[in-house]
Amino acid sequence: MAEILHTGPYSREEPALKRLGEFIQEQGYVILGGHEEEYIVGPTQSGKGEPEKYVTIIRYRVQRPDKKSADSRFRPDMVPLQSVRTERDRA
């Protein structure tokens, strides 16, 4: 499993997804299927008018390419991910 913490509107998740994908690849893993999202703070906690306060964990199931299993969807074109830190994390 590889995950990243995204803060802000859902419409700005794409850079976090890209960074996570790059991290996975750099670590020598491949992505198995689509990503999952866990909403830590969303419209029900912060209000629909405050998307800058949303907090979401984005994760992918990952696997090393040499460890194929019967239920994996291994594809050679899948990109592995790595750890990603946002600008807010660096502050």
C-alpha atoms as a PDB file:
ATOM      1  CA  MET A   1       0.000   0.000   0.000  1.00  0.00           C
ATOM      2  CA  ALA A   2       1.244   3.489  -0.833  1.00  0.00           C
ATOM      3  CA  GLU A   3      -0.537   6.634   0.254  1.00  0.00           C
ATOM      4  CA  ILE A   4      -0.302  10.405   0.329  1.00  0.00           C
ATOM      5  CA  LEU A   5      -2.118  13.053   2.356  1.00  0.00           C
ATOM      6  CA  HIS A   6      -3.837  15.713   0.253  1.00  0.00           C
ATOM      7  CA  THR A   7      -5.128  18.952   1.746  1.00  0.00           C
ATOM      8  CA  GLY A   8      -7.461  21.205  -0.195  1.00  0.00           C
ATOM      9  CA  PRO A   9     -10.238  20.828  -2.747  1.00  0.00           C
ATOM     10  CA  TYR A  10     -10.858  17.501  -4.457  1.00  0.00           C
ATOM     11  CA  SER A  11     -10.456  19.292  -7.792  1.00  0.00           C
ATOM     12  CA  ARG A  12      -6.739  19.771  -7.010  1.00  0.00           C
ATOM     13  CA  GLU A  13      -5.878  16.135  -6.212  1.00  0.00           C
ATOM     14  CA  GLU A  14      -4.233  15.422  -9.573  1.00  0.00           C
ATOM     15  CA  PRO A  15      -0.727  16.665  -8.585  1.00  0.00           C
ATOM     16  CA  ALA A  16      -0.835  14.460  -5.454  1.00  0.00           C
ATOM     17  CA  LEU A  17      -1.852  11.442  -7.556  1.00  0.00           C
ATOM     18  CA  LYS A  18       0.998  12.135  -9.957  1.00  0.00           C
ATOM     19  CA  ARG A  19       3.546  12.502  -7.155  1.00  0.00           C
ATOM     20  CA  LEU A  20       2.346   9.301  -5.533  1.00  0.00           C
ATOM     21  CA  GLY A  21       2.592   7.468  -8.854  1.00  0.00           C
ATOM     22  CA  GLU A  22       6.126   8.709  -9.399  1.00  0.00           C
ATOM     23  CA  PHE A  23       7.108   7.671  -5.886  1.00  0.00           C
ATOM     24  CA  ILE A  24       5.711   4.167  -6.374  1.00  0.00           C
ATOM     25  CA  GLN A  25       7.650   3.789  -9.597  1.00  0.00           C
ATOM     26  CA  GLU A  26      10.902   5.049  -8.080  1.00  0.00           C
ATOM     27  CA  GLN A  27      10.570   2.476  -5.303  1.00  0.00           C
ATOM     28  CA  GLY A  28      10.242  -0.346  -7.835  1.00  0.00           C
ATOM     29  CA  TYR A  29       6.548  -1.115  -7.342  1.00  0.00           C
ATOM     30  CA  VAL A  30       3.570  -1.221  -9.687  1.00  0.00           C
ATOM     31  CA  ILE A  31       0.025  -0.042  -9.037  1.00  0.00           C
ATOM     32  CA  LEU A  32      -2.738  -2.630  -8.736  1.00  0.00           C
ATOM     33  CA  GLY A  33      -6.020  -1.058  -9.814  1.00  0.00           C
ATOM     34  CA  GLY A  34      -7.466   2.385  -9.157  1.00  0.00           C
ATOM     35  CA  HIS A  35      -6.858   4.582  -6.166  1.00  0.00           C
ATOM     36  CA  GLU A  36      -8.908   4.787  -2.973  1.00  0.00           C
ATOM     37  CA  GLU A  37      -9.731   7.939  -1.042  1.00  0.00           C
ATOM     38  CA  GLU A  38     -10.326   8.263   2.691  1.00  0.00           C
ATOM     39  CA  TYR A  39     -11.958  11.548   3.656  1.00  0.00           C
ATOM     40  CA  ILE A  40     -10.560  12.763   6.959  1.00  0.00           C
ATOM     41  CA  VAL A  41     -12.107  16.245   6.748  1.00  0.00           C
ATOM     42  CA  GLY A  42     -14.677  16.966   4.054  1.00  0.00           C
ATOM     43  CA  PRO A  43     -17.862  18.950   3.483  1.00  0.00           C
ATOM     44  CA  THR A  44     -19.650  17.321   6.414  1.00  0.00           C
ATOM     45  CA  GLN A  45     -16.934  18.360   8.889  1.00  0.00           C
ATOM     46  CA  SER A  46     -15.722  21.705   7.503  1.00  0.00           C
ATOM     47  CA  GLY A  47     -18.700  22.906   5.491  1.00  0.00           C
ATOM     48  CA  LYS A  48     -19.258  22.868   1.743  1.00  0.00           C
ATOM     49  CA  GLY A  49     -17.943  26.417   1.415  1.00  0.00           C
ATOM     50  CA  GLU A  50     -14.488  25.585   2.829  1.00  0.00           C
ATOM     51  CA  PRO A  51     -12.779  23.121   0.441  1.00  0.00           C
ATOM     52  CA  GLU A  52      -9.327  24.474   1.387  1.00  0.00           C
ATOM     53  CA  LYS A  53      -9.798  22.683   4.723  1.00  0.00           C
ATOM     54  CA  TYR A  54     -10.535  19.251   3.206  1.00  0.00           C
ATOM     55  CA  VAL A  55      -8.075  16.498   4.146  1.00  0.00           C
ATOM     56  CA  THR A  56      -7.962  13.286   2.090  1.00  0.00           C
ATOM     57  CA  ILE A  57      -5.741  10.215   2.192  1.00  0.00           C
ATOM     58  CA  ILE A  58      -5.190   8.896  -1.324  1.00  0.00           C
ATOM     59  CA  ARG A  59      -3.844   5.356  -1.635  1.00  0.00           C
ATOM     60  CA  TYR A  60      -2.981   2.689  -4.161  1.00  0.00           C
ATOM     61  CA  ARG A  61      -2.473  -1.030  -3.696  1.00  0.00           C
ATOM     62  CA  VAL A  62       1.019  -1.801  -4.934  1.00  0.00           C
ATOM     63  CA  GLN A  63       3.174  -4.826  -5.613  1.00  0.00           C
ATOM     64  CA  ARG A  64       6.705  -5.588  -6.709  1.00  0.00           C
ATOM     65  CA  PRO A  65       6.657  -6.691 -10.373  1.00  0.00           C
ATOM     66  CA  ASP A  66       8.485  -9.939  -9.557  1.00  0.00           C
ATOM     67  CA  LYS A  67       5.780 -11.038  -7.086  1.00  0.00           C
ATOM     68  CA  LYS A  68       2.845 -11.739  -9.394  1.00  0.00           C
ATOM     69  CA  SER A  69      -0.152 -13.328  -7.764  1.00  0.00           C
ATOM     70  CA  ALA A  70      -3.216 -14.950  -9.241  1.00  0.00           C
ATOM     71  CA  ASP A  71      -5.448 -12.013  -8.296  1.00  0.00           C
ATOM     72  CA  SER A  72      -3.075  -9.213  -9.360  1.00  0.00           C
ATOM     73  CA  ARG A  73      -3.662  -7.139 -12.429  1.00  0.00           C
ATOM     74  CA  PHE A  74       0.025  -6.818 -13.250  1.00  0.00           C
ATOM     75  CA  ARG A  75       0.724  -4.816 -16.362  1.00  0.00           C
ATOM     76  CA  PRO A  76       4.219  -3.884 -17.554  1.00  0.00           C
ATOM     77  CA  ASP A  77       3.042  -0.336 -18.343  1.00  0.00           C
ATOM     78  CA  MET A  78       1.968   0.349 -14.752  1.00  0.00           C
ATOM     79  CA  VAL A  79       4.043   2.943 -12.990  1.00  0.00           C
ATOM     80  CA  PRO A  80       5.431   2.390  -9.473  1.00  0.00           C
ATOM     81  CA  LEU A  81       5.049   5.126  -6.774  1.00  0.00           C
ATOM     82  CA  GLN A  82       7.170   6.779  -4.073  1.00  0.00           C
ATOM     83  CA  SER A  83       6.676   8.874  -0.916  1.00  0.00           C
ATOM     84  CA  VAL A  84       5.494  12.317  -1.614  1.00  0.00           C
ATOM     85  CA  ARG A  85       5.469  15.382   0.542  1.00  0.00           C
ATOM     86  CA  THR A  86       3.430  18.461  -0.196  1.00  0.00           C
ATOM     87  CA  GLU A  87       4.600  22.049   0.161  1.00  0.00           C
ATOM     88  CA  ARG A  88       2.519  22.255   3.335  1.00  0.00           C
ATOM     89  CA  ASP A  89       4.401  19.222   4.743  1.00  0.00           C
ATOM     90  CA  ARG A  90       7.708  21.011   4.199  1.00  0.00           C
ATOM     91  CA  ALA A  91       6.661  24.160   6.070  1.00  0.00           C
END
